[in-house]
Amino acid sequence: MSVTVRAIGNSKGFIIPAKALRDAGIDKEADLIVEEGQIILKAKKHPRKDWLFAINADPPGEEETIFMDGIEDENLIDEWTW
């Protein structure tokens, strides 16, 4: 797809067709990467988006230790900011 670079104030820009943004999964935020003579626009990823859903779908069993549960070392607790 060919686009025309235009002056926008002190910057430059171009119009990205709405269908191209939808096809790329870009809505409100994107990551812009410049490498090897290319400008790459990627959909912003939210890696923790579905964590709560995943945990609720498979909660820890009684035999599994939950992180920091029942910790005995008071020195370690003092190192953490709660």
PDB file of N, CA and C in Angstrom:
ATOM      1  N   MET A   1       0.840  -1.160   0.000  1.00  0.00           N
ATOM      2  CA  MET A   1       0.000   0.000   0.000  1.00  0.00           C
ATOM      3  C   MET A   1       0.894   1.236   0.000  1.00  0.00           C
ATOM      4  N   SER A   2       0.615   2.153  -0.834  1.00  0.00           N
ATOM      5  CA  SER A   2       1.390   3.379  -0.932  1.00  0.00           C
ATOM      6  C   SER A   2       0.643   4.504  -0.214  1.00  0.00           C
ATOM      7  N   VAL A   3       1.374   5.298   0.572  1.00  0.00           N
ATOM      8  CA  VAL A   3       0.787   6.442   1.264  1.00  0.00           C
ATOM      9  C   VAL A   3       1.662   7.660   1.011  1.00  0.00           C
ATOM     10  N   THR A   4       1.079   8.828   1.174  1.00  0.00           N
ATOM     11  CA  THR A   4       1.805  10.074   0.976  1.00  0.00           C
ATOM     12  C   THR A   4       2.137  10.682   2.329  1.00  0.00           C
ATOM     13  N   VAL A   5       3.400  10.998   2.546  1.00  0.00           N
ATOM     14  CA  VAL A   5       3.831  11.643   3.785  1.00  0.00           C
ATOM     15  C   VAL A   5       3.488  13.122   3.672  1.00  0.00           C
ATOM     16  N   ARG A   6       2.826  13.641   4.719  1.00  0.00           N
ATOM     17  CA  ARG A   6       2.367  15.027   4.716  1.00  0.00           C
ATOM     18  C   ARG A   6       2.933  15.772   5.911  1.00  0.00           C
ATOM     19  N   ALA A   7       3.036  17.090   5.760  1.00  0.00           N
ATOM     20  CA  ALA A   7       3.445  17.935   6.883  1.00  0.00           C
ATOM     21  C   ALA A   7       2.261  18.095   7.821  1.00  0.00           C
ATOM     22  N   ILE A   8       2.515  17.887   9.123  1.00  0.00           N
ATOM     23  CA  ILE A   8       1.505  18.100  10.164  1.00  0.00           C
ATOM     24  C   ILE A   8       2.185  18.945  11.236  1.00  0.00           C
ATOM     25  N   GLY A   9       2.018  20.264  11.167  1.00  0.00           N
ATOM     26  CA  GLY A   9       2.735  21.156  12.073  1.00  0.00           C
ATOM     27  C   GLY A   9       4.223  21.021  11.828  1.00  0.00           C
ATOM     28  N   ASN A  10       4.974  20.780  12.915  1.00  0.00           N
ATOM     29  CA  ASN A  10       6.422  20.591  12.797  1.00  0.00           C
ATOM     30  C   ASN A  10       6.799  19.133  12.557  1.00  0.00           C
ATOM     31  N   SER A  11       5.797  18.282  12.400  1.00  0.00           N
ATOM     32  CA  SER A  11       6.037  16.851  12.222  1.00  0.00           C
ATOM     33  C   SER A  11       5.612  16.413  10.835  1.00  0.00           C
ATOM     34  N   LYS A  12       5.684  15.135  10.604  1.00  0.00           N
ATOM     35  CA  LYS A  12       5.217  14.520   9.355  1.00  0.00           C
ATOM     36  C   LYS A  12       4.266  13.397   9.730  1.00  0.00           C
ATOM     37  N   GLY A  13       3.376  13.044   8.826  1.00  0.00           N
ATOM     38  CA  GLY A  13       2.438  11.971   9.095  1.00  0.00           C
ATOM     39  C   GLY A  13       1.807  11.465   7.821  1.00  0.00           C
ATOM     40  N   PHE A  14       0.974  10.448   7.952  1.00  0.00           N
ATOM     41  CA  PHE A  14       0.240   9.927   6.809  1.00  0.00           C
ATOM     42  C   PHE A  14      -1.054   9.311   7.321  1.00  0.00           C
ATOM     43  N   ILE A  15      -2.009   9.183   6.427  1.00  0.00           N
ATOM     44  CA  ILE A  15      -3.306   8.615   6.753  1.00  0.00           C
ATOM     45  C   ILE A  15      -3.219   7.097   6.610  1.00  0.00           C
ATOM     46  N   ILE A  16      -3.679   6.394   7.627  1.00  0.00           N
ATOM     47  CA  ILE A  16      -3.748   4.934   7.577  1.00  0.00           C
ATOM     48  C   ILE A  16      -5.220   4.572   7.420  1.00  0.00           C
ATOM     49  N   PRO A  17      -5.593   3.864   6.378  1.00  0.00           N
ATOM     50  CA  PRO A  17      -6.996   3.498   6.192  1.00  0.00           C
ATOM     51  C   PRO A  17      -7.543   2.706   7.387  1.00  0.00           C
ATOM     52  N   ALA A  18      -8.798   2.979   7.745  1.00  0.00           N
ATOM     53  CA  ALA A  18      -9.435   2.331   8.894  1.00  0.00           C
ATOM     54  C   ALA A  18      -9.406   0.809   8.762  1.00  0.00           C
ATOM     55  N   LYS A  19      -9.613   0.290   7.568  1.00  0.00           N
ATOM     56  CA  LYS A  19      -9.593  -1.162   7.373  1.00  0.00           C
ATOM     57  C   LYS A  19      -8.219  -1.741   7.694  1.00  0.00           C
ATOM     58  N   ALA A  20      -7.152  -1.042   7.323  1.00  0.00           N
ATOM     59  CA  ALA A  20      -5.793  -1.520   7.618  1.00  0.00           C
ATOM     60  C   ALA A  20      -5.578  -1.575   9.134  1.00  0.00           C
ATOM     61  N   LEU A  21      -6.054  -0.562   9.846  1.00  0.00           N
ATOM     62  CA  LEU A  21      -5.922  -0.561  11.311  1.00  0.00           C
ATOM     63  C   LEU A  21      -6.723  -1.706  11.921  1.00  0.00           C
ATOM     64  N   ARG A  22      -7.941  -1.907  11.456  1.00  0.00           N
ATOM     65  CA  ARG A  22      -8.766  -3.015  11.968  1.00  0.00           C
ATOM     66  C   ARG A  22      -8.100  -4.356  11.699  1.00  0.00           C
ATOM     67  N   ASP A  23      -7.605  -4.544  10.484  1.00  0.00           N
ATOM     68  CA  ASP A  23      -6.958  -5.811  10.112  1.00  0.00           C
ATOM     69  C   ASP A  23      -5.716  -6.078  10.968  1.00  0.00           C
ATOM     70  N   ALA A  24      -5.044  -5.012  11.385  1.00  0.00           N
ATOM     71  CA  ALA A  24      -3.843  -5.153  12.218  1.00  0.00           C
ATOM     72  C   ALA A  24      -4.179  -5.250  13.699  1.00  0.00           C
ATOM     73  N   GLY A  25      -5.447  -5.073  14.049  1.00  0.00           N
ATOM     74  CA  GLY A  25      -5.853  -5.142  15.461  1.00  0.00           C
ATOM     75  C   GLY A  25      -5.495  -3.895  16.236  1.00  0.00           C
ATOM     76  N   ILE A  26      -5.342  -2.779  15.557  1.00  0.00           N
ATOM     77  CA  ILE A  26      -4.970  -1.523  16.215  1.00  0.00           C
ATOM     78  C   ILE A  26      -6.231  -0.712  16.441  1.00  0.00           C
ATOM     79  N   ASP A  27      -6.425  -0.315  17.716  1.00  0.00           N
ATOM     80  CA  ASP A  27      -7.598   0.483  18.061  1.00  0.00           C
ATOM     81  C   ASP A  27      -7.166   1.864  18.526  1.00  0.00           C
ATOM     82  N   LYS A  28      -6.749   1.968  19.791  1.00  0.00           N
ATOM     83  CA  LYS A  28      -6.385   3.277  20.344  1.00  0.00           C
ATOM     84  C   LYS A  28      -4.893   3.446  20.574  1.00  0.00           C
ATOM     85  N   GLU A  29      -4.180   2.351  20.748  1.00  0.00           N
ATOM     86  CA  GLU A  29      -2.750   2.415  21.024  1.00  0.00           C
ATOM     87  C   GLU A  29      -1.998   1.468  20.095  1.00  0.00           C
ATOM     88  N   ALA A  30      -0.761   1.837  19.806  1.00  0.00           N
ATOM     89  CA  ALA A  30       0.090   0.982  18.980  1.00  0.00           C
ATOM     90  C   ALA A  30       1.543   1.192  19.388  1.00  0.00           C
ATOM     91  N   ASP A  31       2.369   0.217  19.103  1.00  0.00           N
ATOM     92  CA  ASP A  31       3.809   0.333  19.300  1.00  0.00           C
ATOM     93  C   ASP A  31       4.430   0.708  17.962  1.00  0.00           C
ATOM     94  N   LEU A  32       5.266   1.747  17.973  1.00  0.00           N
ATOM     95  CA  LEU A  32       5.955   2.193  16.766  1.00  0.00           C
ATOM     96  C   LEU A  32       7.416   1.797  16.902  1.00  0.00           C
ATOM     97  N   ILE A  33       7.909   1.032  15.930  1.00  0.00           N
ATOM     98  CA  ILE A  33       9.277   0.529  15.961  1.00  0.00           C
ATOM     99  C   ILE A  33       9.976   1.007  14.686  1.00  0.00           C
ATOM    100  N   VAL A  34      11.179   1.533  14.849  1.00  0.00           N
ATOM    101  CA  VAL A  34      11.980   1.952  13.695  1.00  0.00           C
ATOM    102  C   VAL A  34      13.218   1.083  13.676  1.00  0.00           C
ATOM    103  N   GLU A  35      13.378   0.323  12.576  1.00  0.00           N
ATOM    104  CA  GLU A  35      14.558  -0.540  12.456  1.00  0.00           C
ATOM    105  C   GLU A  35      14.864  -0.815  10.987  1.00  0.00           C
ATOM    106  N   GLU A  36      16.127  -0.809  10.671  1.00  0.00           N
ATOM    107  CA  GLU A  36      16.620  -1.158   9.345  1.00  0.00           C
ATOM    108  C   GLU A  36      15.854  -0.458   8.218  1.00  0.00           C
ATOM    109  N   GLY A  37      15.659   0.853   8.364  1.00  0.00           N
ATOM    110  CA  GLY A  37      15.002   1.625   7.313  1.00  0.00           C
ATOM    111  C   GLY A  37      13.505   1.401   7.202  1.00  0.00           C
ATOM    112  N   GLN A  38      12.897   0.832   8.231  1.00  0.00           N
ATOM    113  CA  GLN A  38      11.465   0.570   8.222  1.00  0.00           C
ATOM    114  C   GLN A  38      10.802   1.207   9.435  1.00  0.00           C
ATOM    115  N   ILE A  39       9.556   1.597   9.283  1.00  0.00           N
ATOM    116  CA  ILE A  39       8.718   2.015  10.403  1.00  0.00           C
ATOM    117  C   ILE A  39       7.660   0.930  10.540  1.00  0.00           C
ATOM    118  N   ILE A  40       7.627   0.294  11.693  1.00  0.00           N
ATOM    119  CA  ILE A  40       6.697  -0.809  11.926  1.00  0.00           C
ATOM    120  C   ILE A  40       5.696  -0.366  12.982  1.00  0.00           C
ATOM    121  N   LEU A  41       4.431  -0.543  12.698  1.00  0.00           N
ATOM    122  CA  LEU A  41       3.357  -0.202  13.623  1.00  0.00           C
ATOM    123  C   LEU A  41       2.690  -1.499  14.042  1.00  0.00           C
ATOM    124  N   LYS A  42       2.706  -1.801  15.356  1.00  0.00           N
ATOM    125  CA  LYS A  42       2.141  -3.051  15.858  1.00  0.00           C
ATOM    126  C   LYS A  42       1.045  -2.754  16.863  1.00  0.00           C
ATOM    127  N   ALA A  43       0.052  -3.626  16.901  1.00  0.00           N
ATOM    128  CA  ALA A  43      -1.005  -3.502  17.895  1.00  0.00           C
ATOM    129  C   ALA A  43      -0.380  -3.574  19.282  1.00  0.00           C
ATOM    130  N   LYS A  44      -0.830  -2.714  20.185  1.00  0.00           N
ATOM    131  CA  LYS A  44      -0.328  -2.704  21.556  1.00  0.00           C
ATOM    132  C   LYS A  44      -0.813  -3.973  22.246  1.00  0.00           C
ATOM    133  N   LYS A  45       0.103  -4.694  22.846  1.00  0.00           N
ATOM    134  CA  LYS A  45      -0.254  -5.929  23.538  1.00  0.00           C
ATOM    135  C   LYS A  45      -0.456  -5.640  25.015  1.00  0.00           C
ATOM    136  N   HIS A  46      -1.403  -6.317  25.587  1.00  0.00           N
ATOM    137  CA  HIS A  46      -1.684  -6.217  27.020  1.00  0.00           C
ATOM    138  C   HIS A  46      -1.514  -7.623  27.599  1.00  0.00           C
ATOM    139  N   PRO A  47      -0.271  -7.984  27.941  1.00  0.00           N
ATOM    140  CA  PRO A  47       0.027  -9.374  28.292  1.00  0.00           C
ATOM    141  C   PRO A  47      -0.712  -9.898  29.517  1.00  0.00           C
ATOM    142  N   ARG A  48      -1.139  -9.046  30.425  1.00  0.00           N
ATOM    143  CA  ARG A  48      -1.814  -9.518  31.633  1.00  0.00           C
ATOM    144  C   ARG A  48      -3.339  -9.401  31.533  1.00  0.00           C
ATOM    145  N   LYS A  49      -3.821  -9.070  30.358  1.00  0.00           N
ATOM    146  CA  LYS A  49      -5.244  -8.798  30.153  1.00  0.00           C
ATOM    147  C   LYS A  49      -6.142  -9.923  30.666  1.00  0.00           C
ATOM    148  N   ASP A  50      -5.841 -11.153  30.363  1.00  0.00           N
ATOM    149  CA  ASP A  50      -6.726 -12.273  30.708  1.00  0.00           C
ATOM    150  C   ASP A  50      -6.229 -13.116  31.876  1.00  0.00           C
ATOM    151  N   TRP A  51      -5.293 -12.601  32.661  1.00  0.00           N
ATOM    152  CA  TRP A  51      -4.761 -13.380  33.776  1.00  0.00           C
ATOM    153  C   TRP A  51      -5.839 -13.763  34.781  1.00  0.00           C
ATOM    154  N   LEU A  52      -6.675 -12.815  35.182  1.00  0.00           N
ATOM    155  CA  LEU A  52      -7.697 -13.106  36.181  1.00  0.00           C
ATOM    156  C   LEU A  52      -8.643 -14.186  35.673  1.00  0.00           C
ATOM    157  N   PHE A  53      -9.012 -14.110  34.406  1.00  0.00           N
ATOM    158  CA  PHE A  53      -9.867 -15.134  33.812  1.00  0.00           C
ATOM    159  C   PHE A  53      -9.180 -16.503  33.881  1.00  0.00           C
ATOM    160  N   ALA A  54      -7.910 -16.562  33.545  1.00  0.00           N
ATOM    161  CA  ALA A  54      -7.175 -17.828  33.551  1.00  0.00           C
ATOM    162  C   ALA A  54      -7.055 -18.398  34.968  1.00  0.00           C
ATOM    163  N   ILE A  55      -6.802 -17.535  35.938  1.00  0.00           N
ATOM    164  CA  ILE A  55      -6.681 -17.997  37.328  1.00  0.00           C
ATOM    165  C   ILE A  55      -8.011 -18.516  37.833  1.00  0.00           C
ATOM    166  N   ASN A  56      -9.089 -17.794  37.517  1.00  0.00           N
ATOM    167  CA  ASN A  56     -10.409 -18.240  37.953  1.00  0.00           C
ATOM    168  C   ASN A  56     -10.824 -19.536  37.271  1.00  0.00           C
ATOM    169  N   ALA A  57     -10.374 -19.746  36.036  1.00  0.00           N
ATOM    170  CA  ALA A  57     -10.700 -20.966  35.305  1.00  0.00           C
ATOM    171  C   ALA A  57      -9.970 -22.175  35.878  1.00  0.00           C
ATOM    172  N   ASP A  58      -8.792 -21.964  36.467  1.00  0.00           N
ATOM    173  CA  ASP A  58      -7.997 -23.055  37.028  1.00  0.00           C
ATOM    174  C   ASP A  58      -7.350 -22.578  38.323  1.00  0.00           C
ATOM    175  N   PRO A  59      -8.139 -22.425  39.408  1.00  0.00           N
ATOM    176  CA  PRO A  59      -7.578 -21.913  40.662  1.00  0.00           C
ATOM    177  C   PRO A  59      -6.586 -22.900  41.270  1.00  0.00           C
ATOM    178  N   PRO A  60      -5.649 -22.389  42.098  1.00  0.00           N
ATOM    179  CA  PRO A  60      -4.679 -23.289  42.724  1.00  0.00           C
ATOM    180  C   PRO A  60      -5.377 -24.280  43.659  1.00  0.00           C
ATOM    181  N   GLY A  61      -4.894 -25.513  43.650  1.00  0.00           N
ATOM    182  CA  GLY A  61      -5.454 -26.534  44.535  1.00  0.00           C
ATOM    183  C   GLY A  61      -4.941 -26.354  45.961  1.00  0.00           C
ATOM    184  N   GLU A  62      -5.508 -27.105  46.885  1.00  0.00           N
ATOM    185  CA  GLU A  62      -5.113 -26.989  48.292  1.00  0.00           C
ATOM    186  C   GLU A  62      -3.650 -27.357  48.505  1.00  0.00           C
ATOM    187  N   GLU A  63      -3.130 -28.269  47.682  1.00  0.00           N
ATOM    188  CA  GLU A  63      -1.744 -28.711  47.850  1.00  0.00           C
ATOM    189  C   GLU A  63      -0.743 -27.736  47.237  1.00  0.00           C
ATOM    190  N   GLU A  64      -1.193 -26.758  46.449  1.00  0.00           N
ATOM    191  CA  GLU A  64      -0.283 -25.814  45.810  1.00  0.00           C
ATOM    192  C   GLU A  64       0.001 -24.629  46.728  1.00  0.00           C
ATOM    193  N   THR A  65       1.276 -24.248  46.783  1.00  0.00           N
ATOM    194  CA  THR A  65       1.674 -23.097  47.583  1.00  0.00           C
ATOM    195  C   THR A  65       1.369 -21.825  46.811  1.00  0.00           C
ATOM    196  N   ILE A  66       0.730 -20.895  47.485  1.00  0.00           N
ATOM    197  CA  ILE A  66       0.452 -19.603  46.882  1.00  0.00           C
ATOM    198  C   ILE A  66       1.624 -18.688  47.206  1.00  0.00           C
ATOM    199  N   PHE A  67       2.078 -17.913  46.227  1.00  0.00           N
ATOM    200  CA  PHE A  67       3.237 -17.032  46.385  1.00  0.00           C
ATOM    201  C   PHE A  67       3.132 -16.205  47.655  1.00  0.00           C
ATOM    202  N   MET A  68       4.162 -16.225  48.470  1.00  0.00           N
ATOM    203  CA  MET A  68       4.303 -15.440  49.695  1.00  0.00           C
ATOM    204  C   MET A  68       3.330 -15.848  50.802  1.00  0.00           C
ATOM    205  N   ASP A  69       2.597 -16.943  50.648  1.00  0.00           N
ATOM    206  CA  ASP A  69       1.651 -17.366  51.667  1.00  0.00           C
ATOM    207  C   ASP A  69       2.398 -18.071  52.792  1.00  0.00           C
ATOM    208  N   GLY A  70       2.226 -17.610  54.019  1.00  0.00           N
ATOM    209  CA  GLY A  70       2.833 -18.251  55.174  1.00  0.00           C
ATOM    210  C   GLY A  70       4.325 -18.060  55.263  1.00  0.00           C
ATOM    211  N   ILE A  71       4.850 -16.979  54.727  1.00  0.00           N
ATOM    212  CA  ILE A  71       6.297 -16.760  54.745  1.00  0.00           C
ATOM    213  C   ILE A  71       6.770 -16.531  56.182  1.00  0.00           C
ATOM    214  N   GLU A  72       7.877 -17.124  56.537  1.00  0.00           N
ATOM    215  CA  GLU A  72       8.376 -17.066  57.913  1.00  0.00           C
ATOM    216  C   GLU A  72       9.510 -16.070  58.094  1.00  0.00           C
ATOM    217  N   ASP A  73      10.167 -15.671  57.032  1.00  0.00           N
ATOM    218  CA  ASP A  73      11.357 -14.830  57.123  1.00  0.00           C
ATOM    219  C   ASP A  73      10.969 -13.353  57.187  1.00  0.00           C
ATOM    220  N   GLU A  74      10.978 -12.766  58.386  1.00  0.00           N
ATOM    221  CA  GLU A  74      10.603 -11.362  58.577  1.00  0.00           C
ATOM    222  C   GLU A  74      11.550 -10.422  57.831  1.00  0.00           C
ATOM    223  N   ASN A  75      12.845 -10.808  57.689  1.00  0.00           N
ATOM    224  CA  ASN A  75      13.792  -9.964  56.958  1.00  0.00           C
ATOM    225  C   ASN A  75      13.401  -9.831  55.493  1.00  0.00           C
ATOM    226  N   LEU A  76      12.905 -10.893  54.915  1.00  0.00           N
ATOM    227  CA  LEU A  76      12.477 -10.850  53.528  1.00  0.00           C
ATOM    228  C   LEU A  76      11.253  -9.949  53.372  1.00  0.00           C
ATOM    229  N   ILE A  77      10.335 -10.039  54.298  1.00  0.00           N
ATOM    230  CA  ILE A  77       9.125  -9.201  54.229  1.00  0.00           C
ATOM    231  C   ILE A  77       9.501  -7.728  54.278  1.00  0.00           C
ATOM    232  N   ASP A  78      10.500  -7.361  55.089  1.00  0.00           N
ATOM    233  CA  ASP A  78      10.913  -5.969  55.205  1.00  0.00           C
ATOM    234  C   ASP A  78      11.520  -5.432  53.898  1.00  0.00           C
ATOM    235  N   GLU A  79      12.062  -6.313  53.057  1.00  0.00           N
ATOM    236  CA  GLU A  79      12.654  -5.884  51.793  1.00  0.00           C
ATOM    237  C   GLU A  79      11.607  -5.527  50.761  1.00  0.00           C
ATOM    238  N   TRP A  80      10.402  -6.007  50.899  1.00  0.00           N
ATOM    239  CA  TRP A  80       9.336  -5.762  49.925  1.00  0.00           C
ATOM    240  C   TRP A  80       8.568  -4.502  50.295  1.00  0.00           C
ATOM    241  N   THR A  81       8.120  -3.769  49.304  1.00  0.00           N
ATOM    242  CA  THR A  81       7.254  -2.609  49.538  1.00  0.00           C
ATOM    243  C   THR A  81       5.833  -3.047  49.299  1.00  0.00           C
ATOM    244  N   TRP A  82       5.005  -2.903  50.309  1.00  0.00           N
ATOM    245  CA  TRP A  82       3.610  -3.380  50.208  1.00  0.00           C
ATOM    246  C   TRP A  82       2.696  -2.217  49.968  1.00  0.00           C
TER     247      TRP A  82
END
